[in-house]
Amino acid sequence: MGVQLSYNIVRHTPLTTYAEVAILFPQMLILTVVVAWADAKLGPRVWIACACLCTGVVLMSTGLVSATVTAAAYAAVALFGIVAVLPQVVINYKNKSTGQLSFLVTGMTFGGTQQR
């Protein structure tokens, strides 16, 4: 989310195309802290990770990190998204459960990411 937010800010895309990301990114950070707290694992590592994410987003958004690196990170996020769900899709397909549905959802997610 942070890379997507930074990418859109750097590219000067209209706010209407990525406004939900600006809302979802802080919510995801808060959710991370809440989950860590609920699991009794809220410690310095969680706070440092959140701080590093925020710092990275600020550095990319302000142009201190080159636009080329930001664009490459954005492309890498799309690739990681596909790779992350691939094992689930394969397992579901082998089990003949919701393999087709998972493949469809993965395809739709990939298409949505590419459109942005």
Protein backbone atom coordinates (compact mmCIF):
# COMPACT_ATOMS: atom_id res chain seq x y z
CA MET A 1 0.00 0.00 0.00
CA GLY A 2 2.75 2.42 0.89
CA VAL A 3 4.57 1.92 -2.40
CA GLN A 4 1.32 2.33 -4.31
CA LEU A 5 0.59 5.55 -2.44
CA SER A 6 4.08 6.91 -3.11
CA TYR A 7 3.95 5.91 -6.77
CA ASN A 8 0.72 7.79 -7.32
CA ILE A 9 1.98 10.87 -5.51
CA VAL A 10 5.23 10.90 -7.51
CA ARG A 11 3.37 10.40 -10.81
CA HIS A 12 0.95 13.21 -9.92
CA THR A 13 -2.06 11.06 -10.71
CA PRO A 14 -5.43 12.52 -9.75
CA LEU A 15 -6.33 11.94 -6.12
CA THR A 16 -9.58 10.29 -7.18
CA THR A 17 -7.61 7.35 -8.60
CA TYR A 18 -5.79 6.50 -5.38
CA ALA A 19 -7.64 8.18 -2.51
CA GLU A 20 -8.62 4.82 -1.02
CA VAL A 21 -4.95 3.91 -0.71
CA ALA A 22 -4.27 7.06 1.31
CA ILE A 23 -7.01 5.93 3.69
CA LEU A 24 -6.18 2.22 3.75
CA PHE A 25 -2.43 2.58 4.37
CA PRO A 26 -2.73 4.16 7.84
CA GLN A 27 -5.54 1.73 8.66
CA MET A 28 -3.27 -1.19 7.80
CA LEU A 29 -0.55 0.20 10.05
CA ILE A 30 -3.03 0.56 12.90
CA LEU A 31 -4.33 -2.95 12.26
CA THR A 32 -0.78 -4.29 12.41
CA VAL A 33 -0.30 -2.70 15.83
CA VAL A 34 -3.67 -3.99 17.07
CA VAL A 35 -2.95 -7.56 15.91
CA ALA A 36 0.49 -7.48 17.51
CA TRP A 37 -1.07 -6.17 20.72
CA ALA A 38 -3.79 -8.85 20.68
CA ASP A 39 -1.14 -11.56 20.21
CA ALA A 40 0.94 -10.06 23.04
CA LYS A 41 3.78 -9.43 20.60
CA LEU A 42 3.64 -5.65 20.55
CA GLY A 43 7.23 -4.65 21.09
CA PRO A 44 9.97 -2.55 19.59
CA ARG A 45 10.15 -4.68 16.44
CA VAL A 46 6.56 -3.82 15.49
CA TRP A 47 7.06 -0.12 16.14
CA ILE A 48 10.35 -0.07 14.23
CA ALA A 49 8.77 -1.89 11.28
CA CYS A 50 5.90 0.61 11.15
CA ALA A 51 8.34 3.52 11.44
CA CYS A 52 10.48 2.11 8.62
CA LEU A 53 7.42 1.71 6.40
CA CYS A 54 6.31 5.27 7.07
CA THR A 55 9.83 6.60 6.49
CA GLY A 56 10.09 4.73 3.20
CA VAL A 57 6.76 6.10 2.03
CA VAL A 58 7.74 9.66 2.96
CA LEU A 59 11.11 9.32 1.22
CA MET A 60 9.51 7.99 -1.96
CA SER A 61 6.61 10.46 -1.90
CA THR A 62 8.82 13.51 -1.47
CA GLY A 63 11.13 12.49 -4.29
CA LEU A 64 14.16 11.79 -2.10
CA VAL A 65 14.08 8.33 -3.64
CA SER A 66 14.15 8.53 -7.43
CA ALA A 67 10.94 8.06 -9.38
CA THR A 68 12.57 5.16 -11.22
CA VAL A 69 13.16 3.28 -7.98
CA THR A 70 9.61 4.03 -6.85
CA ALA A 71 8.22 2.72 -10.16
CA ALA A 72 10.38 -0.40 -9.89
CA ALA A 73 9.14 -0.99 -6.35
CA TYR A 74 5.55 -0.58 -7.57
CA ALA A 75 6.15 -3.20 -10.28
CA ALA A 76 7.77 -5.52 -7.74
CA VAL A 77 4.74 -5.24 -5.45
CA ALA A 78 2.48 -6.44 -8.29
CA LEU A 79 4.81 -9.37 -8.93
CA PHE A 80 4.99 -10.27 -5.23
CA GLY A 81 1.19 -10.18 -5.08
CA ILE A 82 0.95 -12.79 -7.80
CA VAL A 83 3.71 -14.97 -6.37
CA ALA A 84 2.19 -14.83 -2.87
CA VAL A 85 -1.13 -16.35 -3.92
CA LEU A 86 0.26 -18.84 -6.42
CA PRO A 87 0.70 -21.71 -3.90
CA GLN A 88 -2.88 -21.25 -2.70
CA VAL A 89 -4.17 -21.35 -6.26
CA VAL A 90 -2.21 -24.52 -7.03
CA ILE A 91 -3.35 -26.29 -3.85
CA ASN A 92 -6.98 -25.35 -4.40
CA TYR A 93 -6.80 -26.49 -8.00
CA LYS A 94 -5.28 -29.85 -7.02
CA ASN A 95 -7.95 -30.34 -4.35
CA LYS A 96 -10.63 -29.42 -6.88
CA SER A 97 -12.19 -27.07 -4.38
CA THR A 98 -12.25 -23.39 -5.26
CA GLY A 99 -9.27 -23.54 -7.58
CA GLN A 100 -11.10 -21.89 -10.46
CA LEU A 101 -12.53 -19.21 -8.19
CA SER A 102 -9.09 -18.49 -6.69
CA PHE A 103 -7.58 -18.28 -10.16
CA LEU A 104 -10.35 -15.90 -11.19
CA VAL A 105 -9.85 -13.72 -8.10
CA THR A 106 -6.09 -13.71 -8.68
CA GLY A 107 -6.61 -12.71 -12.29
CA MET A 108 -9.02 -9.95 -11.33
CA THR A 109 -6.62 -8.63 -8.68
CA PHE A 110 -3.75 -8.68 -11.16
CA GLY A 111 -5.90 -6.90 -13.74
CA GLY A 112 -6.93 -4.25 -11.24
CA THR A 113 -3.34 -3.66 -10.23
CA GLN A 114 -2.26 -3.35 -13.84
CA GLN A 115 -5.03 -0.88 -14.63
CA ARG A 116 -3.83 1.43 -11.89
